[in-house]
Structures are given as structure tokens and as C-alpha cells.
Amino acid sequence: MKIYQNLGGDSGVYAFLIDDNSITVEFNTGATYLYDNRRPGSSDIEQMKTLALSGKGLNSFISRHIKKRFAAKLR
């Protein structure tokens, strides 16, 4: 997992792991979710990857657009 830069200073995201067809996100609470091309879908995954790498906006995007559309809760 790579530590999220949190350039906005108030993100609930702690770390992330990008794979070809998925992104795993660990939140500050320790909860960890897998998002993939099946759920929520490839266009959302690509946007999440871009936000994760930029260090800003990932938590907001998940809260506003993805909500509970994750592939699996890992922790």
C-alpha cells in the first residue's frame, strides 16, 4: 500500500494500492475496500486511480459518487 498524500489535509483515506483492474483503499478507520472494473466499473476505477495518485479528492469522490459500490470489504 502507498500512503495517500492527502494534499487537502482532511481526507479519510490513509493508503491505496493500484492494480491493473482495481484499486484498494484503506481509510483512516482501518476499513479497507476493494473497488474493481466490475464494481463500481472501469471509468470510476480510472478516476479513483487518478485522484489517488494526485493525492487530492479521492475521499470526496468515493463519498459522493461511489458510496457503497465496492467489490469487497477486506477489513
PDB file of N, CA and C in Angstrom:
ATOM      1  N   MET A   1       0.846  -1.183   0.000  1.00  0.00           N
ATOM      2  CA  MET A   1       0.000   0.000   0.000  1.00  0.00           C
ATOM      3  C   MET A   1       0.892   1.248   0.000  1.00  0.00           C
ATOM      4  N   LYS A   2       0.420   2.235  -0.689  1.00  0.00           N
ATOM      5  CA  LYS A   2       1.117   3.515  -0.739  1.00  0.00           C
ATOM      6  C   LYS A   2       0.328   4.510   0.120  1.00  0.00           C
ATOM      7  N   ILE A   3       1.029   5.249   0.955  1.00  0.00           N
ATOM      8  CA  ILE A   3       0.379   6.245   1.805  1.00  0.00           C
ATOM      9  C   ILE A   3      -0.185   7.358   0.920  1.00  0.00           C
ATOM     10  N   TYR A   4      -1.444   7.699   1.155  1.00  0.00           N
ATOM     11  CA  TYR A   4      -2.118   8.760   0.404  1.00  0.00           C
ATOM     12  C   TYR A   4      -1.546  10.103   0.825  1.00  0.00           C
ATOM     13  N   GLN A   5      -1.229  10.968  -0.126  1.00  0.00           N
ATOM     14  CA  GLN A   5      -0.588  12.258   0.172  1.00  0.00           C
ATOM     15  C   GLN A   5      -1.486  13.210   0.956  1.00  0.00           C
ATOM     16  N   ASN A   6      -2.796  13.156   0.762  1.00  0.00           N
ATOM     17  CA  ASN A   6      -3.739  13.995   1.493  1.00  0.00           C
ATOM     18  C   ASN A   6      -3.384  15.478   1.406  1.00  0.00           C
ATOM     19  N   LEU A   7      -3.238  15.962   0.200  1.00  0.00           N
ATOM     20  CA  LEU A   7      -2.857  17.355  -0.021  1.00  0.00           C
ATOM     21  C   LEU A   7      -3.919  18.339   0.448  1.00  0.00           C
ATOM     22  N   GLY A   8      -5.173  17.891   0.533  1.00  0.00           N
ATOM     23  CA  GLY A   8      -6.244  18.746   1.041  1.00  0.00           C
ATOM     24  C   GLY A   8      -6.236  18.849   2.553  1.00  0.00           C
ATOM     25  N   GLY A   9      -5.578  17.906   3.217  1.00  0.00           N
ATOM     26  CA  GLY A   9      -5.402  17.959   4.661  1.00  0.00           C
ATOM     27  C   GLY A   9      -6.517  17.366   5.497  1.00  0.00           C
ATOM     28  N   ASP A  10      -7.609  16.949   4.883  1.00  0.00           N
ATOM     29  CA  ASP A  10      -8.728  16.456   5.693  1.00  0.00           C
ATOM     30  C   ASP A  10      -9.347  15.163   5.151  1.00  0.00           C
ATOM     31  N   SER A  11      -8.562  14.375   4.466  1.00  0.00           N
ATOM     32  CA  SER A  11      -9.075  13.162   3.830  1.00  0.00           C
ATOM     33  C   SER A  11      -9.261  12.037   4.832  1.00  0.00           C
ATOM     34  N   GLY A  12     -10.239  11.198   4.557  1.00  0.00           N
ATOM     35  CA  GLY A  12     -10.444   9.983   5.328  1.00  0.00           C
ATOM     36  C   GLY A  12      -9.656   8.813   4.776  1.00  0.00           C
ATOM     37  N   VAL A  13      -8.938   9.023   3.663  1.00  0.00           N
ATOM     38  CA  VAL A  13      -8.137   7.971   3.045  1.00  0.00           C
ATOM     39  C   VAL A  13      -6.742   7.962   3.663  1.00  0.00           C
ATOM     40  N   TYR A  14      -6.280   6.766   4.024  1.00  0.00           N
ATOM     41  CA  TYR A  14      -4.943   6.613   4.593  1.00  0.00           C
ATOM     42  C   TYR A  14      -3.942   6.102   3.548  1.00  0.00           C
ATOM     43  N   ALA A  15      -4.347   5.071   2.788  1.00  0.00           N
ATOM     44  CA  ALA A  15      -3.427   4.462   1.829  1.00  0.00           C
ATOM     45  C   ALA A  15      -4.213   3.813   0.698  1.00  0.00           C
ATOM     46  N   PHE A  16      -3.497   3.450  -0.367  1.00  0.00           N
ATOM     47  CA  PHE A  16      -4.139   2.816  -1.515  1.00  0.00           C
ATOM     48  C   PHE A  16      -3.157   1.902  -2.219  1.00  0.00           C
ATOM     49  N   LEU A  17      -3.712   0.983  -2.995  1.00  0.00           N
ATOM     50  CA  LEU A  17      -2.923   0.065  -3.806  1.00  0.00           C
ATOM     51  C   LEU A  17      -3.608  -0.035  -5.164  1.00  0.00           C
ATOM     52  N   ILE A  18      -2.871   0.297  -6.217  1.00  0.00           N
ATOM     53  CA  ILE A  18      -3.408   0.263  -7.573  1.00  0.00           C
ATOM     54  C   ILE A  18      -2.929  -0.995  -8.287  1.00  0.00           C
ATOM     55  N   ASP A  19      -3.864  -1.712  -8.883  1.00  0.00           N
ATOM     56  CA  ASP A  19      -3.579  -2.842  -9.767  1.00  0.00           C
ATOM     57  C   ASP A  19      -4.153  -2.512 -11.132  1.00  0.00           C
ATOM     58  N   ASP A  20      -3.938  -3.379 -12.107  1.00  0.00           N
ATOM     59  CA  ASP A  20      -4.415  -3.116 -13.462  1.00  0.00           C
ATOM     60  C   ASP A  20      -5.912  -2.831 -13.519  1.00  0.00           C
ATOM     61  N   ASN A  21      -6.710  -3.639 -12.846  1.00  0.00           N
ATOM     62  CA  ASN A  21      -8.164  -3.531 -12.939  1.00  0.00           C
ATOM     63  C   ASN A  21      -8.851  -3.198 -11.628  1.00  0.00           C
ATOM     64  N   SER A  22      -8.090  -2.680 -10.663  1.00  0.00           N
ATOM     65  CA  SER A  22      -8.688  -2.397  -9.362  1.00  0.00           C
ATOM     66  C   SER A  22      -7.881  -1.372  -8.582  1.00  0.00           C
ATOM     67  N   ILE A  23      -8.513  -0.899  -7.511  1.00  0.00           N
ATOM     68  CA  ILE A  23      -7.829  -0.077  -6.525  1.00  0.00           C
ATOM     69  C   ILE A  23      -8.344  -0.501  -5.151  1.00  0.00           C
ATOM     70  N   THR A  24      -7.433  -0.683  -4.238  1.00  0.00           N
ATOM     71  CA  THR A  24      -7.767  -0.992  -2.853  1.00  0.00           C
ATOM     72  C   THR A  24      -7.501   0.269  -2.051  1.00  0.00           C
ATOM     73  N   VAL A  25      -8.469   0.643  -1.223  1.00  0.00           N
ATOM     74  CA  VAL A  25      -8.358   1.872  -0.447  1.00  0.00           C
ATOM     75  C   VAL A  25      -8.490   1.543   1.031  1.00  0.00           C
ATOM     76  N   GLU A  26      -7.520   1.992   1.816  1.00  0.00           N
ATOM     77  CA  GLU A  26      -7.586   1.874   3.275  1.00  0.00           C
ATOM     78  C   GLU A  26      -7.915   3.248   3.833  1.00  0.00           C
ATOM     79  N   PHE A  27      -8.945   3.294   4.661  1.00  0.00           N
ATOM     80  CA  PHE A  27      -9.369   4.544   5.275  1.00  0.00           C
ATOM     81  C   PHE A  27      -8.709   4.706   6.641  1.00  0.00           C
ATOM     82  N   ASN A  28      -8.764   5.907   7.183  1.00  0.00           N
ATOM     83  CA  ASN A  28      -8.153   6.197   8.485  1.00  0.00           C
ATOM     84  C   ASN A  28      -8.716   5.327   9.595  1.00  0.00           C
ATOM     85  N   THR A  29      -9.925   4.825   9.425  1.00  0.00           N
ATOM     86  CA  THR A  29     -10.561   3.964  10.422  1.00  0.00           C
ATOM     87  C   THR A  29      -9.982   2.563  10.419  1.00  0.00           C
ATOM     88  N   GLY A  30      -9.200   2.234   9.390  1.00  0.00           N
ATOM     89  CA  GLY A  30      -8.666   0.891   9.218  1.00  0.00           C
ATOM     90  C   GLY A  30      -9.492   0.052   8.260  1.00  0.00           C
ATOM     91  N   ALA A  31     -10.706   0.498   7.952  1.00  0.00           N
ATOM     92  CA  ALA A  31     -11.538  -0.210   6.980  1.00  0.00           C
ATOM     93  C   ALA A  31     -10.851  -0.173   5.618  1.00  0.00           C
ATOM     94  N   THR A  32     -10.858  -1.308   4.934  1.00  0.00           N
ATOM     95  CA  THR A  32     -10.181  -1.433   3.652  1.00  0.00           C
ATOM     96  C   THR A  32     -11.140  -2.051   2.633  1.00  0.00           C
ATOM     97  N   TYR A  33     -11.251  -1.399   1.483  1.00  0.00           N
ATOM     98  CA  TYR A  33     -12.203  -1.825   0.459  1.00  0.00           C
ATOM     99  C   TYR A  33     -11.507  -2.017  -0.878  1.00  0.00           C
ATOM    100  N   LEU A  34     -11.982  -3.016  -1.613  1.00  0.00           N
ATOM    101  CA  LEU A  34     -11.532  -3.268  -2.971  1.00  0.00           C
ATOM    102  C   LEU A  34     -12.592  -2.739  -3.931  1.00  0.00           C
ATOM    103  N   TYR A  35     -12.156  -1.957  -4.894  1.00  0.00           N
ATOM    104  CA  TYR A  35     -13.013  -1.448  -5.958  1.00  0.00           C
ATOM    105  C   TYR A  35     -12.415  -1.974  -7.254  1.00  0.00           C
ATOM    106  N   ASP A  36     -13.263  -2.510  -8.161  1.00  0.00           N
ATOM    107  CA  ASP A  36     -12.708  -3.068  -9.393  1.00  0.00           C
ATOM    108  C   ASP A  36     -13.564  -2.726 -10.605  1.00  0.00           C
ATOM    109  N   ASN A  37     -13.147  -3.248 -11.764  1.00  0.00           N
ATOM    110  CA  ASN A  37     -13.844  -2.945 -13.007  1.00  0.00           C
ATOM    111  C   ASN A  37     -15.278  -3.466 -13.034  1.00  0.00           C
ATOM    112  N   ARG A  38     -15.565  -4.443 -12.201  1.00  0.00           N
ATOM    113  CA  ARG A  38     -16.926  -4.971 -12.101  1.00  0.00           C
ATOM    114  C   ARG A  38     -17.797  -4.052 -11.252  1.00  0.00           C
ATOM    115  N   ARG A  39     -17.245  -3.602 -10.143  1.00  0.00           N
ATOM    116  CA  ARG A  39     -17.986  -2.749  -9.219  1.00  0.00           C
ATOM    117  C   ARG A  39     -17.032  -1.796  -8.543  1.00  0.00           C
ATOM    118  N   PRO A  40     -17.070  -0.544  -8.813  1.00  0.00           N
ATOM    119  CA  PRO A  40     -18.134   0.249  -9.411  1.00  0.00           C
ATOM    120  C   PRO A  40     -18.065   0.385 -10.922  1.00  0.00           C
ATOM    121  N   GLY A  41     -16.996  -0.119 -11.566  1.00  0.00           N
ATOM    122  CA  GLY A  41     -16.877  -0.019 -13.016  1.00  0.00           C
ATOM    123  C   GLY A  41     -15.572   0.632 -13.430  1.00  0.00           C
ATOM    124  N   SER A  42     -15.165   0.366 -14.651  1.00  0.00           N
ATOM    125  CA  SER A  42     -13.839   0.784 -15.115  1.00  0.00           C
ATOM    126  C   SER A  42     -13.657   2.304 -15.169  1.00  0.00           C
ATOM    127  N   SER A  43     -14.665   3.055 -15.576  1.00  0.00           N
ATOM    128  CA  SER A  43     -14.484   4.513 -15.643  1.00  0.00           C
ATOM    129  C   SER A  43     -14.313   5.111 -14.249  1.00  0.00           C
ATOM    130  N   ASP A  44     -15.062   4.602 -13.275  1.00  0.00           N
ATOM    131  CA  ASP A  44     -14.892   5.081 -11.898  1.00  0.00           C
ATOM    132  C   ASP A  44     -13.533   4.675 -11.336  1.00  0.00           C
ATOM    133  N   ILE A  45     -13.093   3.464 -11.658  1.00  0.00           N
ATOM    134  CA  ILE A  45     -11.785   2.999 -11.189  1.00  0.00           C
ATOM    135  C   ILE A  45     -10.676   3.888 -11.739  1.00  0.00           C
ATOM    136  N   GLU A  46     -10.748   4.216 -13.008  1.00  0.00           N
ATOM    137  CA  GLU A  46      -9.718   5.076 -13.605  1.00  0.00           C
ATOM    138  C   GLU A  46      -9.702   6.453 -12.939  1.00  0.00           C
ATOM    139  N   GLN A  47     -10.862   6.993 -12.639  1.00  0.00           N
ATOM    140  CA  GLN A  47     -10.935   8.288 -11.940  1.00  0.00           C
ATOM    141  C   GLN A  47     -10.352   8.168 -10.539  1.00  0.00           C
ATOM    142  N   MET A  48     -10.662   7.089  -9.838  1.00  0.00           N
ATOM    143  CA  MET A  48     -10.130   6.877  -8.493  1.00  0.00           C
ATOM    144  C   MET A  48      -8.611   6.747  -8.516  1.00  0.00           C
ATOM    145  N   LYS A  49      -8.074   6.051  -9.520  1.00  0.00           N
ATOM    146  CA  LYS A  49      -6.620   5.924  -9.647  1.00  0.00           C
ATOM    147  C   LYS A  49      -5.972   7.290  -9.848  1.00  0.00           C
ATOM    148  N   THR A  50      -6.557   8.094 -10.709  1.00  0.00           N
ATOM    149  CA  THR A  50      -6.028   9.438 -10.973  1.00  0.00           C
ATOM    150  C   THR A  50      -6.034  10.275  -9.700  1.00  0.00           C
ATOM    151  N   LEU A  51      -7.135  10.245  -8.973  1.00  0.00           N
ATOM    152  CA  LEU A  51      -7.230  11.016  -7.731  1.00  0.00           C
ATOM    153  C   LEU A  51      -6.260  10.499  -6.678  1.00  0.00           C
ATOM    154  N   ALA A  52      -6.123   9.191  -6.577  1.00  0.00           N
ATOM    155  CA  ALA A  52      -5.198   8.603  -5.601  1.00  0.00           C
ATOM    156  C   ALA A  52      -3.769   9.060  -5.871  1.00  0.00           C
ATOM    157  N   LEU A  53      -3.364   9.012  -7.119  1.00  0.00           N
ATOM    158  CA  LEU A  53      -2.000   9.406  -7.479  1.00  0.00           C
ATOM    159  C   LEU A  53      -1.771  10.906  -7.329  1.00  0.00           C
ATOM    160  N   SER A  54      -2.830  11.696  -7.501  1.00  0.00           N
ATOM    161  CA  SER A  54      -2.685  13.148  -7.347  1.00  0.00           C
ATOM    162  C   SER A  54      -2.667  13.566  -5.878  1.00  0.00           C
ATOM    163  N   GLY A  55      -3.157  12.697  -4.985  1.00  0.00           N
ATOM    164  CA  GLY A  55      -3.137  12.997  -3.552  1.00  0.00           C
ATOM    165  C   GLY A  55      -4.249  13.912  -3.090  1.00  0.00           C
ATOM    166  N   LYS A  56      -5.262  14.103  -3.909  1.00  0.00           N
ATOM    167  CA  LYS A  56      -6.335  15.014  -3.529  1.00  0.00           C
ATOM    168  C   LYS A  56      -7.648  14.603  -4.183  1.00  0.00           C
ATOM    169  N   GLY A  57      -8.726  14.568  -3.398  1.00  0.00           N
ATOM    170  CA  GLY A  57     -10.062  14.368  -3.925  1.00  0.00           C
ATOM    171  C   GLY A  57     -10.604  12.948  -3.892  1.00  0.00           C
ATOM    172  N   LEU A  58      -9.805  11.972  -3.497  1.00  0.00           N
ATOM    173  CA  LEU A  58     -10.252  10.584  -3.529  1.00  0.00           C
ATOM    174  C   LEU A  58     -11.382  10.323  -2.542  1.00  0.00           C
ATOM    175  N   ASN A  59     -11.239  10.753  -1.314  1.00  0.00           N
ATOM    176  CA  ASN A  59     -12.279  10.524  -0.312  1.00  0.00           C
ATOM    177  C   ASN A  59     -13.596  11.173  -0.725  1.00  0.00           C
ATOM    178  N   SER A  60     -13.534  12.393  -1.233  1.00  0.00           N
ATOM    179  CA  SER A  60     -14.744  13.094  -1.677  1.00  0.00           C
ATOM    180  C   SER A  60     -15.407  12.365  -2.834  1.00  0.00           C
ATOM    181  N   PHE A  61     -14.615  11.895  -3.777  1.00  0.00           N
ATOM    182  CA  PHE A  61     -15.162  11.171  -4.924  1.00  0.00           C
ATOM    183  C   PHE A  61     -15.870   9.900  -4.462  1.00  0.00           C
ATOM    184  N   ILE A  62     -15.239   9.171  -3.558  1.00  0.00           N
ATOM    185  CA  ILE A  62     -15.857   7.951  -3.037  1.00  0.00           C
ATOM    186  C   ILE A  62     -17.148   8.282  -2.306  1.00  0.00           C
ATOM    187  N   SER A  63     -17.121   9.298  -1.463  1.00  0.00           N
ATOM    188  CA  SER A  63     -18.310   9.687  -0.689  1.00  0.00           C
ATOM    189  C   SER A  63     -19.458  10.149  -1.570  1.00  0.00           C
ATOM    190  N   ARG A  64     -19.158  10.895  -2.600  1.00  0.00           N
ATOM    191  CA  ARG A  64     -20.197  11.490  -3.442  1.00  0.00           C
ATOM    192  C   ARG A  64     -20.683  10.586  -4.566  1.00  0.00           C
ATOM    193  N   HIS A  65     -19.780   9.814  -5.159  1.00  0.00           N
ATOM    194  CA  HIS A  65     -20.128   9.080  -6.371  1.00  0.00           C
ATOM    195  C   HIS A  65     -20.139   7.555  -6.214  1.00  0.00           C
ATOM    196  N   ILE A  66     -19.261   7.037  -5.405  1.00  0.00           N
ATOM    197  CA  ILE A  66     -19.125   5.587  -5.298  1.00  0.00           C
ATOM    198  C   ILE A  66     -20.009   5.027  -4.189  1.00  0.00           C
ATOM    199  N   LYS A  67     -20.001   5.679  -3.060  1.00  0.00           N
ATOM    200  CA  LYS A  67     -20.770   5.293  -1.878  1.00  0.00           C
ATOM    201  C   LYS A  67     -20.494   3.832  -1.511  1.00  0.00           C
ATOM    202  N   LYS A  68     -21.463   2.971  -1.561  1.00  0.00           N
ATOM    203  CA  LYS A  68     -21.285   1.579  -1.151  1.00  0.00           C
ATOM    204  C   LYS A  68     -21.064   0.623  -2.326  1.00  0.00           C
ATOM    205  N   ARG A  69     -20.711   1.162  -3.469  1.00  0.00           N
ATOM    206  CA  ARG A  69     -20.486   0.322  -4.662  1.00  0.00           C
ATOM    207  C   ARG A  69     -19.040  -0.196  -4.677  1.00  0.00           C
ATOM    208  N   PHE A  70     -18.681  -1.009  -3.722  1.00  0.00           N
ATOM    209  CA  PHE A  70     -17.348  -1.609  -3.685  1.00  0.00           C
ATOM    210  C   PHE A  70     -17.468  -3.089  -4.049  1.00  0.00           C
ATOM    211  N   ALA A  71     -16.370  -3.675  -4.495  1.00  0.00           N
ATOM    212  CA  ALA A  71     -16.370  -5.092  -4.865  1.00  0.00           C
ATOM    213  C   ALA A  71     -16.287  -5.977  -3.632  1.00  0.00           C
ATOM    214  N   ALA A  72     -15.507  -5.554  -2.622  1.00  0.00           N
ATOM    215  CA  ALA A  72     -15.350  -6.353  -1.409  1.00  0.00           C
ATOM    216  C   ALA A  72     -14.848  -5.477  -0.275  1.00  0.00           C
ATOM    217  N   LYS A  73     -15.298  -5.816   0.942  1.00  0.00           N
ATOM    218  CA  LYS A  73     -14.733  -5.196   2.137  1.00  0.00           C
ATOM    219  C   LYS A  73     -13.687  -6.176   2.654  1.00  0.00           C
ATOM    220  N   LEU A  74     -12.437  -5.719   2.710  1.00  0.00           N
ATOM    221  CA  LEU A  74     -11.326  -6.592   3.101  1.00  0.00           C
ATOM    222  C   LEU A  74     -11.042  -6.551   4.585  1.00  0.00           C
ATOM    223  N   ARG A  75     -11.298  -5.420   5.192  1.00  0.00           N
ATOM    224  CA  ARG A  75     -11.094  -5.240   6.641  1.00  0.00           C
ATOM    225  C   ARG A  75     -12.098  -4.264   7.171  1.00  0.00           C
TER     226      ARG A  75
END
